Amino acid sequence: MAKIVDLPSGAKLEMTIAGFEDAHRLLQAVTKEIEGVKVSGLDFKGIDFDAPITGELIDALKSLVSRVIYSRDIMDCLWICMARATRNNSRVTKEMFDDERAREDFLPIVKEVLMYNLTPFFKNLGSMFTGLSKAV
């Protein structure tokens, strides 16, 4: 099933989910890169988007975003996943972003494809810990 997203530029992104092997490789690459990012002091449950942004939150988000963009492994996996997407009915390719207007959609496309392909892995993650805490 395809997912369609309106990008900030007004362009339409249409994505289909990657096959398990490609999505799992992306999951492994992201997990490896973000393993060292310190988020222990952040309360993600109580995030109030109207509250002032703290330095801790900025540092954590900067580290997460930087690692995703910088990582050759993540980007290699993402290009495989992005090849299944279209922007305004044109297949997403590296050459697409030679156009300055299309380039403004690069990071939003990266984010959307990343989230679309990783979210299914985490949907039932909480249930694993519920069973573990009951066993202990």
C-alpha atoms as a PDB file:
ATOM      1  CA  MET A   1       0.000   0.000   0.000  1.00  0.00           C
ATOM      2  CA  ALA A   2       1.329   3.416  -0.932  1.00  0.00           C
ATOM      3  CA  LYS A   3       1.544   6.391   1.375  1.00  0.00           C
ATOM      4  CA  ILE A   4       1.242   9.907  -0.047  1.00  0.00           C
ATOM      5  CA  VAL A   5       2.715  12.903   1.778  1.00  0.00           C
ATOM      6  CA  ASP A   6       2.502  16.594   0.935  1.00  0.00           C
ATOM      7  CA  LEU A   7       6.025  17.998   1.207  1.00  0.00           C
ATOM      8  CA  PRO A   8       6.636  21.545   2.517  1.00  0.00           C
ATOM      9  CA  SER A   9       7.473  22.662  -1.047  1.00  0.00           C
ATOM     10  CA  GLY A  10       4.027  21.603  -2.247  1.00  0.00           C
ATOM     11  CA  ALA A  11       5.377  18.540  -4.066  1.00  0.00           C
ATOM     12  CA  LYS A  12       3.748  15.150  -3.501  1.00  0.00           C
ATOM     13  CA  LEU A  13       5.800  12.231  -2.215  1.00  0.00           C
ATOM     14  CA  GLU A  14       4.431   8.750  -2.820  1.00  0.00           C
ATOM     15  CA  MET A  15       6.162   5.871  -1.053  1.00  0.00           C
ATOM     16  CA  THR A  16       5.793   2.138  -0.857  1.00  0.00           C
ATOM     17  CA  ILE A  17       7.346   0.190   1.987  1.00  0.00           C
ATOM     18  CA  ALA A  18      10.679  -1.489   1.266  1.00  0.00           C
ATOM     19  CA  GLY A  19      11.054  -5.242   1.371  1.00  0.00           C
ATOM     20  CA  PHE A  20      11.930  -6.732   4.757  1.00  0.00           C
ATOM     21  CA  GLU A  21      15.612  -7.274   3.987  1.00  0.00           C
ATOM     22  CA  ASP A  22      16.181  -3.687   2.817  1.00  0.00           C
ATOM     23  CA  ALA A  23      14.139  -2.188   5.684  1.00  0.00           C
ATOM     24  CA  HIS A  24      15.931  -4.407   8.221  1.00  0.00           C
ATOM     25  CA  ARG A  25      19.312  -3.299   6.866  1.00  0.00           C
ATOM     26  CA  LEU A  26      18.164   0.305   7.340  1.00  0.00           C
ATOM     27  CA  LEU A  27      17.069  -0.499  10.903  1.00  0.00           C
ATOM     28  CA  GLN A  28      20.477  -2.030  11.661  1.00  0.00           C
ATOM     29  CA  ALA A  29      22.356   0.947  10.191  1.00  0.00           C
ATOM     30  CA  VAL A  30      20.280   3.488  12.132  1.00  0.00           C
ATOM     31  CA  THR A  31      20.552   1.502  15.373  1.00  0.00           C
ATOM     32  CA  LYS A  32      24.323   1.288  15.009  1.00  0.00           C
ATOM     33  CA  GLU A  33      24.643   5.034  14.416  1.00  0.00           C
ATOM     34  CA  ILE A  34      22.344   6.282  17.173  1.00  0.00           C
ATOM     35  CA  GLU A  35      23.454   3.817  19.834  1.00  0.00           C
ATOM     36  CA  GLY A  36      25.792   6.367  21.411  1.00  0.00           C
ATOM     37  CA  VAL A  37      23.422   9.346  21.360  1.00  0.00           C
ATOM     38  CA  LYS A  38      22.661  10.332  24.949  1.00  0.00           C
ATOM     39  CA  VAL A  39      18.933  10.852  25.533  1.00  0.00           C
ATOM     40  CA  SER A  40      18.749   9.651  29.135  1.00  0.00           C
ATOM     41  CA  GLY A  41      17.952  13.097  30.520  1.00  0.00           C
ATOM     42  CA  LEU A  42      15.043  13.713  28.161  1.00  0.00           C
ATOM     43  CA  ASP A  43      11.397  13.104  28.999  1.00  0.00           C
ATOM     44  CA  PHE A  44       9.815  12.183  25.667  1.00  0.00           C
ATOM     45  CA  LYS A  45       6.435  11.392  27.248  1.00  0.00           C
ATOM     46  CA  GLY A  46       6.062  14.870  28.642  1.00  0.00           C
ATOM     47  CA  ILE A  47       7.228  16.873  25.636  1.00  0.00           C
ATOM     48  CA  ASP A  48       5.251  20.076  25.465  1.00  0.00           C
ATOM     49  CA  PHE A  49       5.720  21.626  22.031  1.00  0.00           C
ATOM     50  CA  ASP A  50       4.758  25.046  23.415  1.00  0.00           C
ATOM     51  CA  ALA A  51       7.406  24.893  26.157  1.00  0.00           C
ATOM     52  CA  PRO A  52      10.846  26.437  25.632  1.00  0.00           C
ATOM     53  CA  ILE A  53      13.282  24.105  23.903  1.00  0.00           C
ATOM     54  CA  THR A  54      16.079  22.988  26.202  1.00  0.00           C
ATOM     55  CA  GLY A  55      19.731  22.682  25.308  1.00  0.00           C
ATOM     56  CA  GLU A  56      19.573  18.953  26.065  1.00  0.00           C
ATOM     57  CA  LEU A  57      16.785  18.457  23.532  1.00  0.00           C
ATOM     58  CA  ILE A  58      18.610  20.490  20.881  1.00  0.00           C
ATOM     59  CA  ASP A  59      21.823  18.515  21.449  1.00  0.00           C
ATOM     60  CA  ALA A  60      20.021  15.157  21.248  1.00  0.00           C
ATOM     61  CA  LEU A  61      18.113  16.087  18.087  1.00  0.00           C
ATOM     62  CA  LYS A  62      21.233  17.566  16.490  1.00  0.00           C
ATOM     63  CA  SER A  63      23.160  14.379  17.222  1.00  0.00           C
ATOM     64  CA  LEU A  64      20.405  12.135  15.860  1.00  0.00           C
ATOM     65  CA  VAL A  65      19.917  14.159  12.666  1.00  0.00           C
ATOM     66  CA  SER A  66      23.658  14.582  12.104  1.00  0.00           C
ATOM     67  CA  ARG A  67      24.341  10.886  12.460  1.00  0.00           C
ATOM     68  CA  VAL A  68      21.606   9.985   9.991  1.00  0.00           C
ATOM     69  CA  ILE A  69      22.809  12.508   7.404  1.00  0.00           C
ATOM     70  CA  TYR A  70      26.503  11.750   7.917  1.00  0.00           C
ATOM     71  CA  SER A  71      26.303   7.973   7.911  1.00  0.00           C
ATOM     72  CA  ARG A  72      27.238   6.386   4.595  1.00  0.00           C
ATOM     73  CA  ASP A  73      25.623   3.115   5.733  1.00  0.00           C
ATOM     74  CA  ILE A  74      22.297   4.780   6.526  1.00  0.00           C
ATOM     75  CA  MET A  75      22.286   6.790   3.301  1.00  0.00           C
ATOM     76  CA  ASP A  76      23.139   3.705   1.210  1.00  0.00           C
ATOM     77  CA  CYS A  77      20.183   1.886   2.776  1.00  0.00           C
ATOM     78  CA  LEU A  78      17.941   4.927   2.398  1.00  0.00           C
ATOM     79  CA  TRP A  79      18.712   5.276  -1.322  1.00  0.00           C
ATOM     80  CA  ILE A  80      17.487   1.706  -1.815  1.00  0.00           C
ATOM     81  CA  CYS A  81      14.271   2.594   0.029  1.00  0.00           C
ATOM     82  CA  MET A  82      13.920   5.979  -1.706  1.00  0.00           C
ATOM     83  CA  ALA A  83      14.157   4.284  -5.111  1.00  0.00           C
ATOM     84  CA  ARG A  84      10.648   2.980  -4.360  1.00  0.00           C
ATOM     85  CA  ALA A  85       9.318   6.540  -3.977  1.00  0.00           C
ATOM     86  CA  THR A  86       8.216   9.237  -6.387  1.00  0.00           C
ATOM     87  CA  ARG A  87       8.168  13.017  -6.066  1.00  0.00           C
ATOM     88  CA  ASN A  88       5.507  14.553  -8.282  1.00  0.00           C
ATOM     89  CA  ASN A  89       5.272  11.233 -10.148  1.00  0.00           C
ATOM     90  CA  SER A  90       9.028  11.129 -10.911  1.00  0.00           C
ATOM     91  CA  ARG A  91      11.149   8.369  -9.388  1.00  0.00           C
ATOM     92  CA  VAL A  92      13.368   9.653  -6.561  1.00  0.00           C
ATOM     93  CA  THR A  93      17.002   9.486  -7.675  1.00  0.00           C
ATOM     94  CA  LYS A  94      20.202  11.284  -6.734  1.00  0.00           C
ATOM     95  CA  GLU A  95      20.061  13.144 -10.046  1.00  0.00           C
ATOM     96  CA  MET A  96      16.630  14.538  -9.121  1.00  0.00           C
ATOM     97  CA  PHE A  97      18.340  16.707  -6.511  1.00  0.00           C
ATOM     98  CA  ASP A  98      20.621  18.379  -9.058  1.00  0.00           C
ATOM     99  CA  ASP A  99      17.608  20.666  -9.503  1.00  0.00           C
ATOM    100  CA  GLU A 100      17.797  23.373  -6.836  1.00  0.00           C
ATOM    101  CA  ARG A 101      14.001  23.413  -6.374  1.00  0.00           C
ATOM    102  CA  ALA A 102      13.922  19.643  -5.782  1.00  0.00           C
ATOM    103  CA  ARG A 103      16.883  19.854  -3.404  1.00  0.00           C
ATOM    104  CA  GLU A 104      14.749  21.618  -0.780  1.00  0.00           C
ATOM    105  CA  ASP A 105      12.735  18.394  -0.573  1.00  0.00           C
ATOM    106  CA  PHE A 106      15.760  16.178   0.055  1.00  0.00           C
ATOM    107  CA  LEU A 107      15.737  16.202   3.873  1.00  0.00           C
ATOM    108  CA  PRO A 108      11.925  15.988   4.141  1.00  0.00           C
ATOM    109  CA  ILE A 109      12.009  12.975   1.779  1.00  0.00           C
ATOM    110  CA  VAL A 110      14.816  11.357   3.798  1.00  0.00           C
ATOM    111  CA  LYS A 111      12.789  11.835   6.996  1.00  0.00           C
ATOM    112  CA  GLU A 112       9.550  10.514   5.503  1.00  0.00           C
ATOM    113  CA  VAL A 113      11.126   7.434   3.907  1.00  0.00           C
ATOM    114  CA  LEU A 114      13.122   6.706   7.065  1.00  0.00           C
ATOM    115  CA  MET A 115      10.078   6.942   9.339  1.00  0.00           C
ATOM    116  CA  TYR A 116       7.794   5.038   6.952  1.00  0.00           C
ATOM    117  CA  ASN A 117      10.196   2.104   6.751  1.00  0.00           C
ATOM    118  CA  LEU A 118      11.240   1.981  10.422  1.00  0.00           C
ATOM    119  CA  THR A 119       7.927   2.607  12.203  1.00  0.00           C
ATOM    120  CA  PRO A 120       6.564  -0.930  11.669  1.00  0.00           C
ATOM    121  CA  PHE A 121       9.525  -2.393  13.571  1.00  0.00           C
ATOM    122  CA  PHE A 122       8.648  -0.391  16.701  1.00  0.00           C
ATOM    123  CA  LYS A 123       4.850  -0.659  16.818  1.00  0.00           C
ATOM    124  CA  ASN A 124       4.793  -3.522  19.338  1.00  0.00           C
ATOM    125  CA  LEU A 125       8.125  -2.915  21.051  1.00  0.00           C
ATOM    126  CA  GLY A 126       6.424  -1.851  24.301  1.00  0.00           C
ATOM    127  CA  SER A 127       4.663  -5.191  24.619  1.00  0.00           C
ATOM    128  CA  MET A 128       8.015  -6.957  24.800  1.00  0.00           C
ATOM    129  CA  PHE A 129       8.949  -4.999  27.930  1.00  0.00           C
ATOM    130  CA  THR A 130       5.545  -5.557  29.545  1.00  0.00           C
ATOM    131  CA  GLY A 131       6.073  -9.313  29.404  1.00  0.00           C
ATOM    132  CA  LEU A 132       9.625  -8.941  30.638  1.00  0.00           C
ATOM    133  CA  SER A 133       8.620  -6.840  33.646  1.00  0.00           C
ATOM    134  CA  LYS A 134       5.913  -9.367  34.599  1.00  0.00           C
ATOM    135  CA  ALA A 135       8.430 -12.212  34.419  1.00  0.00           C
ATOM    136  CA  VAL A 136      10.856 -10.365  36.693  1.00  0.00           C
END
